[in-house]
Amino acid sequence: MASRQQVSPASAAGTRLRGIARRSMLGRGLLPDFSPAALAEAGADRPAVARDSTIRDLRELLWCSIDNDDSRDLDQLSVAQPAPGAAARILVAVADVDATVKPRSAVDAHAEANTTSVYTAAQIFPMLPERLSTDVTSLGENADRLALVVDMQVSADGSVTAAEIYRASVRNHAKLAYNAVAAWLDGTGPMPDAISRVPGLDEQLRTQDRVAQTMKQLRHARGALTLETLETRAVFDGDNLTDLRADEKNRAKELIEDFMIAANTSTAQFLERSGYPAVRRVLRTPKRWDRIVTLAAGLGERLPADPDAVALEQFLCRRRQVDPERFADLSLAVIKSLGSGEYALERPGGPPTQHFGLAVRDYTHSTAPNRRFPDLLTQRLLKAALAGEPPPYGDDELAALAGHCTEQEDNAAKVERQVGKSAAALLLASRIGEQFDAIVTGAAAKGTWARIAKPTVEGRVVRGFEGLDVGDRVRVQLVGTDVDRGFIDFARVGGR
């Protein structure tokens, strides 16, 4: 999926937060810096070129990227074409990172160690050197690049009826940004200049949007969950940290999300059909379904006693219509109760895995190889299958890598949260004693946590937390901050 935005932190706050970020990376077993050998490899690399007659030349198709305004590590492009007997043919091109980053190279060793890019409020710690991820292996505008293409036939109801995967040369004809494209599609903003400069791209994007909307409707009818989360980014003005601003979903983000889900599912199914193992992305049946049932009951709704994705999705859709202002809070409570996703080895013909939140059985990560190591692993398995070669990794090695990727993804998330909390502590340091409305986001033996809305900040409830559970609404008072440790302490107003 899409990368998050890079910030340009001011000197005082930025320097302090970058120091916190580096210490946090090291404390979590993540490498903040590339080795001299990795940097030397990246400096010598050039964009890979087609040297195989099986690589198709698709550079003339109206490929475009849609990402954050300042993203340069572009992993995927998309294009739509008419298809006989189908609503459309959707093609997703994924950067062929493996053509440059070879297994067991110094760059690959760093990518395997961290397994993901880490996006903090201070800076981005990319999985690959920027020389690669923002240039040599990025699907940058007006650059010829190698890619793996997932070519899908999509019916009028939004289902993928057939899919083919192959290698190709592609060219990004327009680098587009989510917010501008979404405003144009919604009729609230002008057509972006990058679209107007490419004849036919406007109609091309409207076709992509139409197909993505039908795919979205079908997924949610099958039980894919409608959830809205509040991710924030630090906003600086000169030397001052001024806000933590929420990034909201929009129509363009949904377009890319639906295409990527379809491409990831098609990739998993292709590996299964080809008799190759895969590192699947799994979200198992929720362990705290009882808490979700209780949350629904508190809103006058009834959910079945056993986990049911379709019933949960129907409940979420009703709540979004009834109380849109508080839907993000409900989403957060549900997400906390669903638990975390993980990576798992799936052998051909083995027991099926599932992704409860997406309501799909076959799912892998494959569309962001510049940013996630599991996607690079999948790419290497795909290329072996296409060439009829043995898998480049044994089952035991893949199982170990899946576990390592899960662990490092969790560590990266903790770093991001810690630096975000340090930024929030900086922002709130002058507001000790103020009161806020909050929602409980975590309740366990290790502590109780609550989130306030303005600014969007989470902290620990250090007094009056007895009896609180995820989803409860409380009034809290800010009683302390610790920037270096990322601590924000609240006391429940009126609590014990």
Protein backbone atom coordinates (compact mmCIF):
# COMPACT_ATOMS: atom_id res chain seq x y z
CA MET A 1 0.00 0.00 0.00
CA ALA A 2 0.98 3.82 0.07
CA SER A 3 3.84 5.27 2.04
CA ARG A 4 3.31 7.91 4.68
CA GLN A 5 4.46 11.48 4.33
CA GLN A 6 7.97 12.70 5.03
CA VAL A 7 8.13 15.68 7.37
CA SER A 8 10.65 18.50 7.35
CA PRO A 9 11.16 19.02 11.06
CA ALA A 10 12.43 22.33 12.35
CA SER A 11 15.88 22.43 13.84
CA ALA A 12 15.13 22.46 17.58
CA ALA A 13 12.20 20.06 17.80
CA GLY A 14 13.40 18.08 14.79
CA THR A 15 16.88 17.44 16.15
CA ARG A 16 15.50 16.30 19.48
CA LEU A 17 12.95 13.99 17.86
CA ARG A 18 15.49 12.53 15.45
CA GLY A 19 17.73 11.65 18.38
CA ILE A 20 14.80 9.98 20.13
CA ALA A 21 13.95 8.09 16.93
CA ARG A 22 17.49 6.76 16.50
CA ARG A 23 17.69 5.60 20.11
CA SER A 24 14.29 3.95 19.80
CA MET A 25 15.33 2.14 16.61
CA LEU A 26 18.44 0.75 18.25
CA GLY A 27 16.53 -0.20 21.39
CA ARG A 28 14.06 -2.23 19.32
CA GLY A 29 16.71 -4.08 17.33
CA LEU A 30 16.32 -1.99 14.17
CA LEU A 31 19.19 -0.51 12.16
CA PRO A 32 18.94 3.28 11.69
CA ASP A 33 21.92 3.41 9.30
CA PHE A 34 23.08 1.47 6.26
CA SER A 35 26.45 -0.24 6.27
CA PRO A 36 29.21 1.22 4.06
CA ALA A 37 28.93 -1.91 1.90
CA ALA A 38 25.18 -1.38 1.36
CA LEU A 39 25.70 2.28 0.46
CA ALA A 40 28.48 1.32 -1.95
CA GLU A 41 26.24 -1.24 -3.64
CA ALA A 42 23.40 1.27 -3.95
CA GLY A 43 25.72 3.92 -5.35
CA ALA A 44 26.88 1.59 -8.10
CA ASP A 45 23.43 0.33 -9.12
CA ARG A 46 21.62 1.50 -12.23
CA PRO A 47 17.99 0.88 -13.26
CA ALA A 48 17.55 -2.66 -14.53
CA VAL A 49 16.72 -3.06 -18.22
CA ALA A 50 14.90 -5.76 -20.14
CA ARG A 51 17.26 -8.48 -21.35
CA ASP A 52 14.72 -11.27 -21.67
CA SER A 53 12.41 -11.74 -24.65
CA THR A 54 9.63 -12.82 -22.29
CA ILE A 55 9.51 -9.33 -20.75
CA ARG A 56 6.62 -7.50 -22.39
CA ASP A 57 6.88 -3.87 -23.47
CA LEU A 58 3.89 -2.05 -21.93
CA ARG A 59 5.40 1.41 -21.71
CA GLU A 60 2.77 2.98 -23.95
CA LEU A 61 -0.15 2.10 -21.66
CA LEU A 62 -1.43 5.07 -19.64
CA TRP A 63 0.17 4.00 -16.38
CA CYS A 64 0.03 6.43 -13.47
CA SER A 65 0.88 6.41 -9.77
CA ILE A 66 -1.28 7.79 -6.95
CA ASP A 67 0.48 8.32 -3.64
CA ASN A 68 1.19 10.99 -1.03
CA ASP A 69 2.16 14.42 -2.30
CA ASP A 70 5.83 14.02 -1.46
CA SER A 71 6.30 10.26 -1.91
CA ARG A 72 9.22 9.30 -4.11
CA ASP A 73 9.46 5.57 -3.28
CA LEU A 74 6.79 4.57 -5.79
CA ASP A 75 6.03 0.85 -5.72
CA GLN A 76 3.04 0.47 -8.01
CA LEU A 77 1.25 1.84 -11.06
CA SER A 78 -2.21 1.04 -12.36
CA VAL A 79 -4.13 1.19 -15.62
CA ALA A 80 -7.56 0.05 -16.86
CA GLN A 81 -8.51 -1.36 -20.25
CA PRO A 82 -11.79 -2.55 -21.77
CA ALA A 83 -12.27 -6.31 -21.63
CA PRO A 84 -14.79 -8.41 -23.58
CA GLY A 85 -17.36 -9.88 -21.22
CA ALA A 86 -15.95 -8.02 -18.22
CA ALA A 87 -16.36 -4.62 -16.62
CA ALA A 88 -12.70 -3.94 -17.21
CA ARG A 89 -9.19 -5.28 -17.24
CA ILE A 90 -7.20 -3.85 -14.34
CA LEU A 91 -3.41 -4.01 -14.49
CA VAL A 92 -1.21 -3.33 -11.48
CA ALA A 93 2.53 -2.94 -12.09
CA VAL A 94 4.81 -3.56 -9.09
CA ALA A 95 8.41 -2.34 -9.14
CA ASP A 96 10.82 -5.19 -9.87
CA VAL A 97 13.07 -4.50 -6.88
CA ASP A 98 14.60 -7.99 -7.08
CA ALA A 99 16.10 -7.09 -10.47
CA THR A 100 18.45 -4.78 -8.55
CA VAL A 101 18.53 -6.02 -4.93
CA LYS A 102 20.00 -9.48 -5.08
CA PRO A 103 19.58 -12.08 -2.32
CA ARG A 104 22.33 -12.06 0.30
CA SER A 105 23.78 -8.76 -0.93
CA ALA A 106 24.63 -6.06 1.65
CA VAL A 107 21.47 -4.12 0.76
CA ASP A 108 19.40 -7.27 1.07
CA ALA A 109 20.95 -8.01 4.47
CA HIS A 110 19.84 -4.60 5.77
CA ALA A 111 16.35 -5.07 4.32
CA GLU A 112 16.10 -8.52 5.92
CA ALA A 113 17.28 -7.15 9.27
CA ASN A 114 14.68 -4.35 9.47
CA THR A 115 12.05 -5.91 7.14
CA THR A 116 10.21 -2.59 6.71
CA SER A 117 10.63 1.13 6.28
CA VAL A 118 10.02 2.94 9.56
CA TYR A 119 7.98 6.15 9.35
CA THR A 120 8.42 8.38 12.39
CA ALA A 121 7.37 11.93 13.19
CA ALA A 122 11.07 12.83 13.04
CA GLN A 123 12.20 11.15 9.82
CA ILE A 124 11.84 8.09 7.63
CA PHE A 125 14.25 5.19 8.04
CA PRO A 126 13.88 3.50 4.63
CA MET A 127 14.27 -0.24 4.19
CA LEU A 128 16.40 0.36 1.09
CA PRO A 129 18.91 3.16 0.52
CA GLU A 130 17.19 6.22 -0.93
CA ARG A 131 19.37 5.98 -4.03
CA LEU A 132 17.41 2.80 -4.78
CA SER A 133 13.95 3.28 -3.28
CA THR A 134 13.43 6.81 -4.63
CA ASP A 135 15.23 6.39 -7.94
CA VAL A 136 16.71 3.15 -9.27
CA THR A 137 13.90 0.83 -8.09
CA SER A 138 11.12 3.45 -7.92
CA LEU A 139 8.47 3.72 -10.64
CA GLY A 140 9.18 7.42 -11.02
CA GLU A 141 7.45 9.70 -13.48
CA ASN A 142 8.62 9.44 -17.10
CA ALA A 143 11.13 6.69 -16.26
CA ASP A 144 11.32 3.28 -17.93
CA ARG A 145 11.36 0.55 -15.31
CA LEU A 146 10.96 -3.21 -15.00
CA ALA A 147 7.88 -4.46 -13.14
CA LEU A 148 5.83 -7.50 -12.32
CA VAL A 149 2.32 -7.00 -13.67
CA VAL A 150 -0.82 -8.47 -12.12
CA ASP A 151 -3.32 -8.46 -14.99
CA MET A 152 -6.88 -9.00 -13.72
CA GLN A 153 -10.23 -9.46 -15.43
CA VAL A 154 -12.89 -7.79 -13.29
CA SER A 155 -16.58 -8.55 -13.84
CA ALA A 156 -19.43 -6.06 -13.58
CA ASP A 157 -20.07 -7.03 -9.93
CA GLY A 158 -16.46 -6.31 -8.93
CA SER A 159 -15.18 -9.88 -8.70
CA VAL A 160 -11.83 -10.89 -10.22
CA THR A 161 -12.67 -13.71 -12.60
CA ALA A 162 -9.18 -14.35 -13.97
CA ALA A 163 -5.64 -13.11 -13.38
CA GLU A 164 -2.30 -13.43 -15.13
CA ILE A 165 1.12 -12.42 -13.79
CA TYR A 166 4.10 -11.59 -15.99
CA ARG A 167 7.16 -9.34 -16.26
CA ALA A 168 7.06 -6.13 -18.28
CA SER A 169 8.69 -2.80 -18.99
CA VAL A 170 6.49 0.10 -17.88
CA ARG A 171 6.53 3.91 -17.77
CA ASN A 172 4.77 6.16 -15.27
CA HIS A 173 3.06 8.87 -17.34
CA ALA A 174 1.74 10.87 -14.37
CA LYS A 175 2.76 11.08 -10.70
CA LEU A 176 -0.49 11.93 -8.91
CA ALA A 177 -1.36 12.72 -5.28
CA TYR A 178 -4.22 11.27 -3.24
CA ASN A 179 -5.83 14.46 -2.02
CA ALA A 180 -5.88 16.24 -5.38
CA VAL A 181 -7.20 13.19 -7.25
CA ALA A 182 -9.86 12.54 -4.59
CA ALA A 183 -11.09 16.14 -4.70
CA TRP A 184 -11.34 15.95 -8.50
CA LEU A 185 -13.18 12.62 -8.46
CA ASP A 186 -15.58 13.96 -5.82
CA GLY A 187 -16.22 17.13 -7.81
CA THR A 188 -14.84 19.39 -5.08
CA GLY A 189 -11.58 20.29 -6.77
CA PRO A 190 -10.10 20.96 -10.23
CA MET A 191 -8.51 18.35 -12.44
CA PRO A 192 -4.84 18.03 -11.42
CA ASP A 193 -2.46 19.46 -14.02
CA ALA A 194 -0.63 16.14 -14.30
CA ILE A 195 -3.87 14.52 -15.54
CA SER A 196 -4.67 17.25 -18.05
CA ARG A 197 -1.22 16.95 -19.60
CA VAL A 198 -1.77 13.30 -20.61
CA PRO A 199 -4.51 12.85 -23.26
CA GLY A 200 -7.07 10.26 -22.19
CA LEU A 201 -5.83 9.94 -18.61
CA ASP A 202 -8.94 11.62 -17.18
CA GLU A 203 -11.27 8.99 -18.61
CA GLN A 204 -8.75 6.29 -17.69
CA LEU A 205 -8.88 7.34 -14.04
CA ARG A 206 -12.66 7.58 -13.99
CA THR A 207 -12.77 4.00 -15.26
CA GLN A 208 -10.35 2.91 -12.52
CA ASP A 209 -12.48 4.68 -9.92
CA ARG A 210 -15.68 3.05 -11.18
CA VAL A 211 -14.16 -0.43 -11.10
CA ALA A 212 -12.61 0.15 -7.66
CA GLN A 213 -15.98 1.21 -6.25
CA THR A 214 -17.63 -2.01 -7.47
CA MET A 215 -14.76 -4.06 -6.03
CA LYS A 216 -15.14 -2.26 -2.70
CA GLN A 217 -18.89 -2.88 -2.57
CA LEU A 218 -18.41 -6.60 -3.21
CA ARG A 219 -15.66 -6.94 -0.59
CA HIS A 220 -17.78 -5.32 2.09
CA ALA A 221 -20.82 -7.40 1.16
CA ARG A 222 -18.62 -10.44 1.83
CA GLY A 223 -17.58 -9.12 5.25
CA ALA A 224 -14.56 -6.88 4.66
CA LEU A 225 -14.64 -4.42 7.53
CA THR A 226 -15.37 -0.72 7.16
CA LEU A 227 -12.94 0.87 9.60
CA GLU A 228 -11.54 4.38 9.92
CA THR A 229 -8.33 4.97 11.83
CA LEU A 230 -6.74 8.26 12.77
CA GLU A 231 -3.11 8.29 11.67
CA THR A 232 -1.34 11.56 12.38
CA ARG A 233 1.69 13.40 11.06
CA ALA A 234 3.70 16.08 12.77
CA VAL A 235 3.24 19.62 11.43
CA PHE A 236 6.03 22.16 11.89
CA ASP A 237 6.01 25.95 11.44
CA GLY A 238 9.51 27.32 11.49
CA ASP A 239 11.11 26.16 14.73
CA ASN A 240 7.81 25.18 16.34
CA LEU A 241 5.90 21.90 16.39
CA THR A 242 2.36 23.18 15.86
CA ASP A 243 0.07 20.18 15.45
CA LEU A 244 -0.43 16.47 14.99
CA ARG A 245 -2.76 16.37 12.02
CA ALA A 246 -4.94 13.38 11.17
CA ASP A 247 -4.63 11.81 7.71
CA GLU A 248 -8.09 10.82 6.53
CA LYS A 249 -9.24 8.25 4.01
CA ASN A 250 -10.48 9.48 0.65
CA ARG A 251 -11.71 8.13 -2.65
CA ALA A 252 -8.27 7.99 -4.28
CA LYS A 253 -6.79 6.09 -1.34
CA GLU A 254 -9.67 3.64 -1.56
CA LEU A 255 -9.04 3.15 -5.29
CA ILE A 256 -5.44 2.12 -4.65
CA GLU A 257 -6.43 0.03 -1.61
CA ASP A 258 -8.95 -2.02 -3.58
CA PHE A 259 -6.56 -2.64 -6.47
CA MET A 260 -3.77 -3.65 -4.10
CA ILE A 261 -6.01 -6.07 -2.19
CA ALA A 262 -7.05 -7.66 -5.48
CA ALA A 263 -3.44 -7.86 -6.68
CA ASN A 264 -2.27 -9.39 -3.39
CA THR A 265 -5.06 -11.98 -3.50
CA SER A 266 -4.32 -12.82 -7.14
CA THR A 267 -0.63 -13.22 -6.30
CA ALA A 268 -1.34 -15.64 -3.45
CA GLN A 269 -3.64 -17.69 -5.67
CA PHE A 270 -1.05 -17.76 -8.48
CA LEU A 271 1.62 -19.15 -6.14
CA GLU A 272 -0.83 -21.75 -4.83
CA ARG A 273 -1.75 -22.84 -8.38
CA SER A 274 1.93 -22.99 -9.31
CA GLY A 275 2.74 -25.26 -6.36
CA TYR A 276 5.00 -22.72 -4.63
CA PRO A 277 5.05 -21.76 -0.96
CA ALA A 278 4.08 -18.26 0.11
CA VAL A 279 4.45 -15.90 3.04
CA ARG A 280 0.82 -15.06 3.68
CA ARG A 281 -0.55 -12.05 5.54
CA VAL A 282 -2.96 -13.36 8.18
CA LEU A 283 -5.45 -11.83 10.60
CA ARG A 284 -6.86 -14.70 12.57
CA THR A 285 -10.30 -14.97 14.18
CA PRO A 286 -10.54 -12.24 16.86
CA LYS A 287 -9.57 -13.35 20.36
CA ARG A 288 -11.62 -10.58 21.98
CA TRP A 289 -14.82 -11.05 20.01
CA ASP A 290 -16.69 -10.94 23.33
CA ARG A 291 -15.53 -7.35 23.82
CA ILE A 292 -16.80 -6.39 20.35
CA VAL A 293 -20.16 -8.00 21.23
CA THR A 294 -20.23 -5.93 24.44
CA LEU A 295 -19.41 -2.72 22.55
CA ALA A 296 -22.27 -3.40 20.14
CA ALA A 297 -24.67 -4.17 22.98
CA GLY A 298 -23.81 -0.84 24.59
CA LEU A 299 -25.01 0.84 21.40
CA GLY A 300 -28.24 -1.12 21.28
CA GLU A 301 -26.98 -3.60 18.68
CA ARG A 302 -26.68 -7.38 18.79
CA LEU A 303 -23.86 -9.44 17.34
CA PRO A 304 -23.67 -13.26 17.25
CA ALA A 305 -21.78 -15.01 20.03
CA ASP A 306 -19.28 -16.47 17.54
CA PRO A 307 -17.07 -14.30 15.28
CA ASP A 308 -18.95 -13.29 12.14
CA ALA A 309 -17.28 -10.84 9.73
CA VAL A 310 -20.46 -10.14 7.71
CA ALA A 311 -22.47 -9.35 10.85
CA LEU A 312 -19.68 -7.11 12.15
CA GLU A 313 -19.47 -5.25 8.85
CA GLN A 314 -23.22 -4.67 8.81
CA PHE A 315 -23.02 -3.30 12.36
CA LEU A 316 -20.14 -0.99 11.43
CA CYS A 317 -21.98 0.36 8.39
CA ARG A 318 -25.05 1.15 10.50
CA ARG A 319 -22.96 2.94 13.12
CA ARG A 320 -21.15 4.95 10.46
CA GLN A 321 -24.49 6.24 9.22
CA VAL A 322 -25.99 6.83 12.66
CA ASP A 323 -22.99 8.46 14.34
CA PRO A 324 -20.30 9.44 11.80
CA GLU A 325 -18.52 11.81 14.20
CA ARG A 326 -17.71 9.00 16.64
CA PHE A 327 -17.13 6.27 14.08
CA ALA A 328 -13.34 6.61 14.25
CA ASP A 329 -13.51 5.98 17.99
CA LEU A 330 -15.64 2.87 17.47
CA SER A 331 -13.25 1.71 14.72
CA LEU A 332 -10.30 2.05 17.04
CA ALA A 333 -12.02 0.02 19.77
CA VAL A 334 -12.86 -2.73 17.24
CA ILE A 335 -9.32 -2.76 15.83
CA LYS A 336 -7.85 -3.15 19.31
CA SER A 337 -10.15 -6.12 19.91
CA LEU A 338 -9.42 -7.73 16.53
CA GLY A 339 -5.72 -8.06 17.32
CA SER A 340 -2.69 -7.74 15.04
CA GLY A 341 -1.97 -9.25 11.66
CA GLU A 342 1.02 -11.53 11.19
CA TYR A 343 3.03 -13.29 8.50
CA ALA A 344 2.81 -17.05 8.15
CA LEU A 345 4.20 -19.69 5.80
CA GLU A 346 1.63 -21.40 3.60
CA ARG A 347 2.73 -24.55 1.83
CA PRO A 348 0.96 -25.71 -1.34
CA GLY A 349 -2.05 -27.78 -0.39
CA GLY A 350 -1.66 -26.92 3.29
CA PRO A 351 -4.40 -25.69 5.66
CA PRO A 352 -5.84 -22.40 4.33
CA THR A 353 -5.09 -19.11 6.03
CA GLN A 354 -7.46 -16.17 6.25
CA HIS A 355 -7.51 -12.43 6.75
CA PHE A 356 -10.56 -11.75 8.92
CA GLY A 357 -10.54 -7.97 8.42
CA LEU A 358 -10.44 -8.22 4.61
CA ALA A 359 -12.76 -11.23 4.35
CA VAL A 360 -10.38 -13.06 2.02
CA ARG A 361 -8.83 -16.52 2.29
CA ASP A 362 -5.86 -16.03 -0.04
CA TYR A 363 -3.77 -12.99 0.81
CA THR A 364 -0.12 -12.06 0.70
CA HIS A 365 1.86 -8.82 0.69
CA SER A 366 3.36 -8.24 -2.75
CA THR A 367 2.77 -4.65 -3.87
CA ALA A 368 5.34 -2.65 -1.85
CA PRO A 369 8.78 -4.27 -2.31
CA ASN A 370 10.61 -0.96 -1.81
CA ARG A 371 9.11 -0.68 1.68
CA ARG A 372 8.43 -4.23 2.99
CA PHE A 373 10.69 -7.27 2.93
CA PRO A 374 7.80 -9.81 2.76
CA ASP A 375 6.84 -8.23 -0.58
CA LEU A 376 10.39 -8.70 -1.85
CA LEU A 377 10.29 -12.35 -0.74
CA THR A 378 6.99 -12.79 -2.60
CA GLN A 379 8.48 -11.18 -5.69
CA ARG A 380 11.35 -13.65 -5.71
CA LEU A 381 8.96 -16.57 -5.34
CA LEU A 382 6.84 -15.21 -8.22
CA LYS A 383 9.82 -14.83 -10.52
CA ALA A 384 10.96 -18.37 -9.73
CA ALA A 385 7.48 -19.68 -10.52
CA LEU A 386 7.36 -17.74 -13.78
CA ALA A 387 10.76 -19.10 -14.81
CA GLY A 388 9.96 -22.64 -13.71
CA GLU A 389 12.85 -22.61 -11.24
CA PRO A 390 12.94 -24.07 -7.71
CA PRO A 391 11.79 -21.76 -4.89
CA PRO A 392 14.69 -19.51 -3.79
CA TYR A 393 13.93 -20.25 -0.14
CA GLY A 394 13.20 -23.50 1.67
CA ASP A 395 10.07 -23.93 3.78
CA ASP A 396 11.95 -23.76 7.07
CA GLU A 397 13.73 -20.58 5.98
CA LEU A 398 10.47 -18.98 4.87
CA ALA A 399 8.77 -19.90 8.13
CA ALA A 400 11.62 -18.30 10.09
CA LEU A 401 11.54 -15.20 7.91
CA ALA A 402 7.77 -14.90 8.36
CA GLY A 403 8.19 -14.92 12.12
CA HIS A 404 11.05 -12.40 11.93
CA CYS A 405 9.02 -10.06 9.69
CA THR A 406 6.12 -10.17 12.13
CA GLU A 407 8.43 -9.35 15.03
CA GLN A 408 10.18 -6.49 13.24
CA GLU A 409 6.93 -5.04 11.96
CA ASP A 410 5.78 -4.92 15.57
CA ASN A 411 9.05 -3.29 16.63
CA ALA A 412 8.75 -0.70 13.84
CA ALA A 413 5.21 0.13 14.94
CA LYS A 414 6.44 0.60 18.50
CA VAL A 415 9.17 2.97 17.31
CA GLU A 416 6.65 4.97 15.31
CA ARG A 417 4.30 5.16 18.28
CA GLN A 418 7.08 6.12 20.67
CA VAL A 419 8.36 8.96 18.48
CA GLY A 420 4.79 10.06 17.83
CA LYS A 421 4.24 10.21 21.56
CA SER A 422 7.42 12.21 22.02
CA ALA A 423 6.16 14.66 19.42
CA ALA A 424 2.80 14.76 21.20
CA ALA A 425 4.52 15.33 24.56
CA LEU A 426 6.40 18.26 23.03
CA LEU A 427 3.12 19.66 21.72
CA LEU A 428 1.31 19.26 25.07
CA ALA A 429 4.12 20.25 27.41
CA SER A 430 2.63 23.72 27.97
CA ARG A 431 -0.91 22.42 28.63
CA ILE A 432 -0.50 20.60 31.94
CA GLY A 433 -3.72 20.79 33.94
CA GLU A 434 -6.09 21.04 30.94
CA GLN A 435 -9.02 18.62 30.63
CA PHE A 436 -10.06 16.66 27.54
CA ASP A 437 -12.74 14.23 26.37
CA ALA A 438 -11.11 10.86 25.65
CA ILE A 439 -11.78 7.27 24.56
CA VAL A 440 -10.09 4.28 26.17
CA THR A 441 -7.86 2.59 23.57
CA GLY A 442 -6.18 -0.06 25.68
CA ALA A 443 -6.88 -1.79 28.97
CA ALA A 444 -4.63 -4.55 30.29
CA ALA A 445 -2.51 -5.49 33.26
CA LYS A 446 0.36 -3.37 31.92
CA GLY A 447 -1.74 -0.21 31.82
CA THR A 448 -4.79 1.68 30.60
CA TRP A 449 -4.57 4.06 27.65
CA ALA A 450 -6.84 6.80 26.32
CA ARG A 451 -6.86 9.03 23.24
CA ILE A 452 -7.94 12.65 23.02
CA ALA A 453 -9.10 14.27 19.78
CA LYS A 454 -7.63 17.78 19.59
CA PRO A 455 -4.76 17.18 19.13
CA THR A 456 -5.01 13.48 18.29
CA VAL A 457 -2.88 12.08 21.09
CA GLU A 458 -2.81 8.90 23.18
CA GLY A 459 -1.58 8.74 26.77
CA ARG A 460 -1.65 6.56 29.84
CA VAL A 461 -4.38 6.89 32.45
CA VAL A 462 -2.32 6.84 35.66
CA ARG A 463 -5.17 7.61 38.09
CA GLY A 464 -8.81 6.54 38.06
CA PHE A 465 -8.35 3.75 35.52
CA GLU A 466 -10.09 1.06 37.57
CA GLY A 467 -12.96 -0.55 35.68
CA LEU A 468 -12.19 1.08 32.35
CA ASP A 469 -12.16 -0.97 29.13
CA VAL A 470 -11.54 -0.39 25.43
CA GLY A 471 -14.17 1.90 23.91
CA ASP A 472 -15.23 3.59 27.17
CA ARG A 473 -15.57 7.38 27.06
CA VAL A 474 -14.02 9.38 29.88
CA ARG A 475 -13.00 12.88 30.86
CA VAL A 476 -9.29 13.18 31.60
CA GLN A 477 -6.85 15.79 32.85
CA LEU A 478 -3.30 16.11 31.56
CA VAL A 479 -1.06 15.68 34.60
CA GLY A 480 2.41 15.22 33.09
CA THR A 481 4.62 14.74 30.03
CA ASP A 482 8.09 13.29 29.43
CA VAL A 483 9.33 14.07 25.94
CA ASP A 484 12.38 11.80 25.91
CA ARG A 485 10.41 8.74 27.00
CA GLY A 486 7.27 9.71 25.07
CA PHE A 487 5.13 9.64 28.20
CA ILE A 488 1.81 11.47 28.42
CA ASP A 489 -0.04 10.97 31.68
CA PHE A 490 -3.75 11.53 32.23
CA ALA A 491 -5.89 11.31 35.33
CA ARG A 492 -9.54 10.38 35.04
CA VAL A 493 -11.69 13.30 36.12
CA GLY A 494 -14.10 12.02 38.75
CA GLY A 495 -12.42 8.60 38.73
CA ARG A 496 -11.07 6.72 41.71
